[in-house]
Amino acid sequence: PDGVSVVLGRGSRPEVELDREACAADGVPILRRPGGGCAVVLDPGNVIVAAAIPQEGLPRIRELFASFTEWLLGGLRRVGVGGVSREDVSDLVLGDRKVGGASLYRPRGTALYGVSLLVDPRPELMERYLRHPPREPAYRRGRRHADFVGRLADSGGWTATTLAAALRRALPVPGTGGEGKEATDEHG
């Protein structure tokens, strides 16, 4: 992201998850994604990875998250980011700190996966714009945002720009059976 925004999940309730007055005072846009999950703050220290695959039928959410997460973890390992694992259904963690959160959206015949990787996030923005989430995974243990989130920058000196470029080269296009086809962005 080139700026700061707050993004609500499909079922998020702004009155529960956000400090709307702080967002308004700072001119921070509030957006909504089609996938689930709670509200998040996106800032230039994040890398957003998105993938879509054709999906016949309706596989279980946990199976889809597991498959997409393994795809992403493989890419992270290929670029030298080790130690990241999946926790709960869709979180990525380094140690006991969250370094990525994912969302799924399943329009007919497709599965869309999006994940925000916390490379060099600004937890003070999370503290300002987000309230404590109405639901949380057990490993969060009630911690406030600043004590819960981690940084992938600490795992090899990454910046959001350098990690995005490395992942663009390292992640195979989902459904192609492996490496060799480079993922592309809107610029090809």
C-alpha atoms as a PDB file:
ATOM      1  CA  PRO A   1       0.000   0.000   0.000  1.00  0.00           C
ATOM      2  CA  ASP A   2       1.194   3.514  -0.720  1.00  0.00           C
ATOM      3  CA  GLY A   3      -0.813   5.008   2.133  1.00  0.00           C
ATOM      4  CA  VAL A   4      -2.672   4.112   5.303  1.00  0.00           C
ATOM      5  CA  SER A   5      -6.168   2.623   5.231  1.00  0.00           C
ATOM      6  CA  VAL A   6      -8.394   0.514   7.414  1.00  0.00           C
ATOM      7  CA  VAL A   7     -10.001  -2.515   5.782  1.00  0.00           C
ATOM      8  CA  LEU A   8     -13.024  -4.245   7.253  1.00  0.00           C
ATOM      9  CA  GLY A   9     -13.814  -7.903   6.667  1.00  0.00           C
ATOM     10  CA  ARG A  10     -17.099  -8.913   5.072  1.00  0.00           C
ATOM     11  CA  GLY A  11     -18.784  -9.385   8.457  1.00  0.00           C
ATOM     12  CA  SER A  12     -16.923  -6.701  10.401  1.00  0.00           C
ATOM     13  CA  ARG A  13     -18.921  -4.255  12.463  1.00  0.00           C
ATOM     14  CA  PRO A  14     -17.209  -0.855  12.392  1.00  0.00           C
ATOM     15  CA  GLU A  15     -18.823   0.252  15.646  1.00  0.00           C
ATOM     16  CA  VAL A  16     -17.193  -2.709  17.417  1.00  0.00           C
ATOM     17  CA  GLU A  17     -13.838  -2.971  15.643  1.00  0.00           C
ATOM     18  CA  LEU A  18     -12.832   0.622  14.862  1.00  0.00           C
ATOM     19  CA  ASP A  19     -12.210   3.968  16.397  1.00  0.00           C
ATOM     20  CA  ARG A  20     -14.061   5.787  13.614  1.00  0.00           C
ATOM     21  CA  GLU A  21     -13.398   9.198  15.159  1.00  0.00           C
ATOM     22  CA  ALA A  22      -9.622   8.652  14.970  1.00  0.00           C
ATOM     23  CA  CYS A  23      -9.905   7.443  11.360  1.00  0.00           C
ATOM     24  CA  ALA A  24     -11.979  10.504  10.434  1.00  0.00           C
ATOM     25  CA  ALA A  25      -9.680  12.918  12.282  1.00  0.00           C
ATOM     26  CA  ASP A  26      -6.663  11.559  10.394  1.00  0.00           C
ATOM     27  CA  GLY A  27      -8.442  11.225   7.033  1.00  0.00           C
ATOM     28  CA  VAL A  28      -7.859   7.466   6.952  1.00  0.00           C
ATOM     29  CA  PRO A  29     -10.168   5.757   4.455  1.00  0.00           C
ATOM     30  CA  ILE A  30     -12.264   2.845   5.681  1.00  0.00           C
ATOM     31  CA  LEU A  31     -12.686   0.131   3.056  1.00  0.00           C
ATOM     32  CA  ARG A  32     -14.332  -3.294   3.022  1.00  0.00           C
ATOM     33  CA  ARG A  33     -12.996  -6.503   1.470  1.00  0.00           C
ATOM     34  CA  PRO A  34     -15.257  -9.312   0.265  1.00  0.00           C
ATOM     35  CA  GLY A  35     -13.461 -11.933   2.387  1.00  0.00           C
ATOM     36  CA  GLY A  36     -13.876 -12.550   6.086  1.00  0.00           C
ATOM     37  CA  GLY A  37     -11.866 -11.660   9.146  1.00  0.00           C
ATOM     38  CA  CYS A  38     -11.668  -8.649  11.395  1.00  0.00           C
ATOM     39  CA  ALA A  39     -10.558  -5.117  10.554  1.00  0.00           C
ATOM     40  CA  VAL A  40      -6.911  -4.473   9.697  1.00  0.00           C
ATOM     41  CA  VAL A  41      -4.703  -1.449   9.146  1.00  0.00           C
ATOM     42  CA  LEU A  42      -2.756  -1.421   5.899  1.00  0.00           C
ATOM     43  CA  ASP A  43       0.288   0.807   5.575  1.00  0.00           C
ATOM     44  CA  PRO A  44       3.372   1.024   3.349  1.00  0.00           C
ATOM     45  CA  GLY A  45       5.155  -1.462   5.634  1.00  0.00           C
ATOM     46  CA  ASN A  46       2.818  -4.250   4.476  1.00  0.00           C
ATOM     47  CA  VAL A  47       3.058  -6.499   1.444  1.00  0.00           C
ATOM     48  CA  ILE A  48      -0.249  -7.674   0.039  1.00  0.00           C
ATOM     49  CA  VAL A  49      -0.234 -11.006  -1.763  1.00  0.00           C
ATOM     50  CA  ALA A  50      -3.329 -12.132  -3.636  1.00  0.00           C
ATOM     51  CA  ALA A  51      -4.061 -15.258  -5.643  1.00  0.00           C
ATOM     52  CA  ALA A  52      -7.097 -16.734  -7.334  1.00  0.00           C
ATOM     53  CA  ILE A  53      -7.686 -20.283  -8.503  1.00  0.00           C
ATOM     54  CA  PRO A  54     -10.621 -21.948 -10.216  1.00  0.00           C
ATOM     55  CA  GLN A  55     -12.539 -23.878  -7.609  1.00  0.00           C
ATOM     56  CA  GLU A  56     -15.214 -26.418  -8.404  1.00  0.00           C
ATOM     57  CA  GLY A  57     -17.562 -27.241  -5.582  1.00  0.00           C
ATOM     58  CA  LEU A  58     -17.103 -25.850  -2.126  1.00  0.00           C
ATOM     59  CA  PRO A  59     -14.096 -27.331  -0.321  1.00  0.00           C
ATOM     60  CA  ARG A  60     -13.842 -26.628   3.341  1.00  0.00           C
ATOM     61  CA  ILE A  61     -12.428 -23.249   4.329  1.00  0.00           C
ATOM     62  CA  ARG A  62      -9.689 -24.817   6.449  1.00  0.00           C
ATOM     63  CA  GLU A  63      -8.493 -26.927   3.499  1.00  0.00           C
ATOM     64  CA  LEU A  64      -8.349 -23.887   1.215  1.00  0.00           C
ATOM     65  CA  PHE A  65      -6.489 -21.820   3.802  1.00  0.00           C
ATOM     66  CA  ALA A  66      -4.025 -24.681   4.369  1.00  0.00           C
ATOM     67  CA  SER A  67      -3.349 -25.037   0.648  1.00  0.00           C
ATOM     68  CA  PHE A  68      -2.862 -21.314   0.010  1.00  0.00           C
ATOM     69  CA  THR A  69      -0.783 -20.930   3.175  1.00  0.00           C
ATOM     70  CA  GLU A  70       1.580 -23.737   2.140  1.00  0.00           C
ATOM     71  CA  TRP A  71       1.962 -22.045  -1.259  1.00  0.00           C
ATOM     72  CA  LEU A  72       2.889 -18.755   0.429  1.00  0.00           C
ATOM     73  CA  LEU A  73       5.160 -20.346   3.041  1.00  0.00           C
ATOM     74  CA  GLY A  74       7.020 -22.118   0.228  1.00  0.00           C
ATOM     75  CA  GLY A  75       7.622 -18.758  -1.451  1.00  0.00           C
ATOM     76  CA  LEU A  76       8.809 -17.206   1.802  1.00  0.00           C
ATOM     77  CA  ARG A  77      11.250 -20.085   2.355  1.00  0.00           C
ATOM     78  CA  ARG A  78      12.568 -19.769  -1.231  1.00  0.00           C
ATOM     79  CA  VAL A  79      13.468 -16.109  -0.635  1.00  0.00           C
ATOM     80  CA  GLY A  80      15.111 -16.870   2.707  1.00  0.00           C
ATOM     81  CA  VAL A  81      12.358 -15.993   5.177  1.00  0.00           C
ATOM     82  CA  GLY A  82      12.373 -18.974   7.508  1.00  0.00           C
ATOM     83  CA  GLY A  83      10.626 -19.736  10.745  1.00  0.00           C
ATOM     84  CA  VAL A  84       7.196 -18.516   9.635  1.00  0.00           C
ATOM     85  CA  SER A  85       4.371 -20.957  10.284  1.00  0.00           C
ATOM     86  CA  ARG A  86       0.590 -21.104  10.261  1.00  0.00           C
ATOM     87  CA  GLU A  87      -1.311 -20.624  13.499  1.00  0.00           C
ATOM     88  CA  ASP A  88      -5.039 -21.028  13.959  1.00  0.00           C
ATOM     89  CA  VAL A  89      -6.901 -21.086  10.627  1.00  0.00           C
ATOM     90  CA  SER A  90      -5.191 -18.349   8.655  1.00  0.00           C
ATOM     91  CA  ASP A  91      -2.565 -16.443  10.630  1.00  0.00           C
ATOM     92  CA  LEU A  92       1.137 -16.466   9.837  1.00  0.00           C
ATOM     93  CA  VAL A  93       3.420 -16.267  12.852  1.00  0.00           C
ATOM     94  CA  LEU A  94       7.075 -15.851  13.637  1.00  0.00           C
ATOM     95  CA  GLY A  95       7.631 -17.081  17.177  1.00  0.00           C
ATOM     96  CA  ASP A  96       4.486 -16.014  19.006  1.00  0.00           C
ATOM     97  CA  ARG A  97       3.964 -12.851  16.938  1.00  0.00           C
ATOM     98  CA  LYS A  98       1.544 -12.470  14.056  1.00  0.00           C
ATOM     99  CA  VAL A  99       3.302 -11.475  10.823  1.00  0.00           C
ATOM    100  CA  GLY A 100       0.470 -12.122   8.381  1.00  0.00           C
ATOM    101  CA  GLY A 101      -3.270 -12.338   8.221  1.00  0.00           C
ATOM    102  CA  ALA A 102      -5.271 -13.891   5.422  1.00  0.00           C
ATOM    103  CA  SER A 103      -8.764 -13.771   4.034  1.00  0.00           C
ATOM    104  CA  LEU A 104     -10.729 -15.934   1.596  1.00  0.00           C
ATOM    105  CA  TYR A 105     -13.559 -15.069  -0.724  1.00  0.00           C
ATOM    106  CA  ARG A 106     -15.307 -17.723  -2.778  1.00  0.00           C
ATOM    107  CA  PRO A 107     -17.465 -16.382  -5.563  1.00  0.00           C
ATOM    108  CA  ARG A 108     -18.934 -19.140  -7.732  1.00  0.00           C
ATOM    109  CA  GLY A 109     -16.200 -21.225  -9.333  1.00  0.00           C
ATOM    110  CA  THR A 110     -13.263 -19.337  -7.811  1.00  0.00           C
ATOM    111  CA  ALA A 111     -11.290 -19.096  -4.592  1.00  0.00           C
ATOM    112  CA  LEU A 112      -9.651 -15.706  -3.923  1.00  0.00           C
ATOM    113  CA  TYR A 113      -6.941 -15.559  -1.253  1.00  0.00           C
ATOM    114  CA  GLY A 114      -5.458 -12.373   0.100  1.00  0.00           C
ATOM    115  CA  VAL A 115      -2.829 -11.976   2.777  1.00  0.00           C
ATOM    116  CA  SER A 116      -1.213  -8.954   4.368  1.00  0.00           C
ATOM    117  CA  LEU A 117       2.384  -9.603   5.357  1.00  0.00           C
ATOM    118  CA  LEU A 118       3.641  -7.385   8.168  1.00  0.00           C
ATOM    119  CA  VAL A 119       7.125  -6.510   6.966  1.00  0.00           C
ATOM    120  CA  ASP A 120       7.602  -3.204   8.776  1.00  0.00           C
ATOM    121  CA  PRO A 121       4.146  -2.382  10.169  1.00  0.00           C
ATOM    122  CA  ARG A 122       3.265   0.571  12.344  1.00  0.00           C
ATOM    123  CA  PRO A 123       1.597  -0.926  15.438  1.00  0.00           C
ATOM    124  CA  GLU A 124       0.885   2.553  16.776  1.00  0.00           C
ATOM    125  CA  LEU A 125      -1.600   2.961  13.902  1.00  0.00           C
ATOM    126  CA  MET A 126      -3.274  -0.309  14.842  1.00  0.00           C
ATOM    127  CA  GLU A 127      -3.539   0.943  18.420  1.00  0.00           C
ATOM    128  CA  ARG A 128      -5.030   4.231  17.227  1.00  0.00           C
ATOM    129  CA  TYR A 129      -7.560   2.978  14.650  1.00  0.00           C
ATOM    130  CA  LEU A 130      -8.525  -0.501  15.811  1.00  0.00           C
ATOM    131  CA  ARG A 131     -10.181  -1.640  18.979  1.00  0.00           C
ATOM    132  CA  HIS A 132      -9.331  -4.996  20.468  1.00  0.00           C
ATOM    133  CA  PRO A 133     -10.940  -7.530  18.095  1.00  0.00           C
ATOM    134  CA  PRO A 134     -14.258  -9.073  19.116  1.00  0.00           C
ATOM    135  CA  ARG A 135     -12.783 -12.535  18.553  1.00  0.00           C
ATOM    136  CA  GLU A 136      -9.197 -13.673  18.729  1.00  0.00           C
ATOM    137  CA  PRO A 137      -7.162 -16.858  18.387  1.00  0.00           C
ATOM    138  CA  ALA A 138      -6.017 -18.500  21.611  1.00  0.00           C
ATOM    139  CA  TYR A 139      -2.341 -17.714  20.940  1.00  0.00           C
ATOM    140  CA  ARG A 140      -3.067 -13.964  21.097  1.00  0.00           C
ATOM    141  CA  ARG A 141      -3.679 -14.327  24.848  1.00  0.00           C
ATOM    142  CA  GLY A 142      -5.444 -10.962  25.110  1.00  0.00           C
ATOM    143  CA  ARG A 143      -2.357  -9.030  23.998  1.00  0.00           C
ATOM    144  CA  ARG A 144      -2.826  -5.558  22.585  1.00  0.00           C
ATOM    145  CA  HIS A 145      -1.900  -5.003  18.923  1.00  0.00           C
ATOM    146  CA  ALA A 146       1.576  -3.621  19.634  1.00  0.00           C
ATOM    147  CA  ASP A 147       2.453  -6.667  21.747  1.00  0.00           C
ATOM    148  CA  PHE A 148       0.911  -9.171  19.328  1.00  0.00           C
ATOM    149  CA  VAL A 149       2.226  -8.272  15.875  1.00  0.00           C
ATOM    150  CA  GLY A 150       5.726  -8.966  14.628  1.00  0.00           C
ATOM    151  CA  ARG A 151       7.898  -7.787  11.753  1.00  0.00           C
ATOM    152  CA  LEU A 152       9.302  -9.746   8.836  1.00  0.00           C
ATOM    153  CA  ALA A 153      11.905  -6.977   8.478  1.00  0.00           C
ATOM    154  CA  ASP A 154      13.625  -8.566  11.470  1.00  0.00           C
ATOM    155  CA  SER A 155      13.963 -11.812   9.502  1.00  0.00           C
ATOM    156  CA  GLY A 156      16.642 -10.735   7.034  1.00  0.00           C
ATOM    157  CA  GLY A 157      16.535  -6.955   6.761  1.00  0.00           C
ATOM    158  CA  TRP A 158      13.588  -6.906   4.361  1.00  0.00           C
ATOM    159  CA  THR A 159      11.679  -3.834   3.320  1.00  0.00           C
ATOM    160  CA  ALA A 160       8.169  -4.093   1.913  1.00  0.00           C
ATOM    161  CA  THR A 161       9.544  -3.242  -1.542  1.00  0.00           C
ATOM    162  CA  THR A 162      12.337  -5.828  -1.508  1.00  0.00           C
ATOM    163  CA  LEU A 163      10.131  -8.606  -0.119  1.00  0.00           C
ATOM    164  CA  ALA A 164       7.364  -7.879  -2.648  1.00  0.00           C
ATOM    165  CA  ALA A 165       9.865  -8.084  -5.516  1.00  0.00           C
ATOM    166  CA  ALA A 166      11.412 -11.294  -4.184  1.00  0.00           C
ATOM    167  CA  LEU A 167       8.026 -12.961  -3.707  1.00  0.00           C
ATOM    168  CA  ARG A 168       6.903 -11.907  -7.182  1.00  0.00           C
ATOM    169  CA  ARG A 169       9.803 -13.977  -8.537  1.00  0.00           C
ATOM    170  CA  ALA A 170       9.550 -16.849  -6.041  1.00  0.00           C
ATOM    171  CA  LEU A 171       5.847 -17.630  -5.958  1.00  0.00           C
ATOM    172  CA  PRO A 172       4.636 -19.952  -8.690  1.00  0.00           C
ATOM    173  CA  VAL A 173       1.281 -19.104 -10.190  1.00  0.00           C
ATOM    174  CA  PRO A 174      -1.231 -21.198  -8.170  1.00  0.00           C
ATOM    175  CA  GLY A 175      -2.451 -24.263  -9.992  1.00  0.00           C
ATOM    176  CA  THR A 176       0.503 -24.479 -12.416  1.00  0.00           C
ATOM    177  CA  GLY A 177       2.116 -27.367 -10.586  1.00  0.00           C
ATOM    178  CA  GLY A 178       5.257 -25.713  -9.325  1.00  0.00           C
ATOM    179  CA  GLU A 179       7.919 -23.173 -10.028  1.00  0.00           C
ATOM    180  CA  GLY A 180       8.746 -21.773 -13.390  1.00  0.00           C
ATOM    181  CA  LYS A 181       5.822 -19.490 -14.099  1.00  0.00           C
ATOM    182  CA  GLU A 182       6.469 -16.188 -12.449  1.00  0.00           C
ATOM    183  CA  ALA A 183       3.651 -14.446 -10.644  1.00  0.00           C
ATOM    184  CA  THR A 184       2.828 -11.102 -12.215  1.00  0.00           C
ATOM    185  CA  ASP A 185       1.350  -7.854 -11.098  1.00  0.00           C
ATOM    186  CA  GLU A 186      -0.858  -5.485 -13.065  1.00  0.00           C
ATOM    187  CA  HIS A 187       2.191  -4.403 -15.057  1.00  0.00           C
ATOM    188  CA  GLY A 188       2.843  -7.941 -16.340  1.00  0.00           C
END
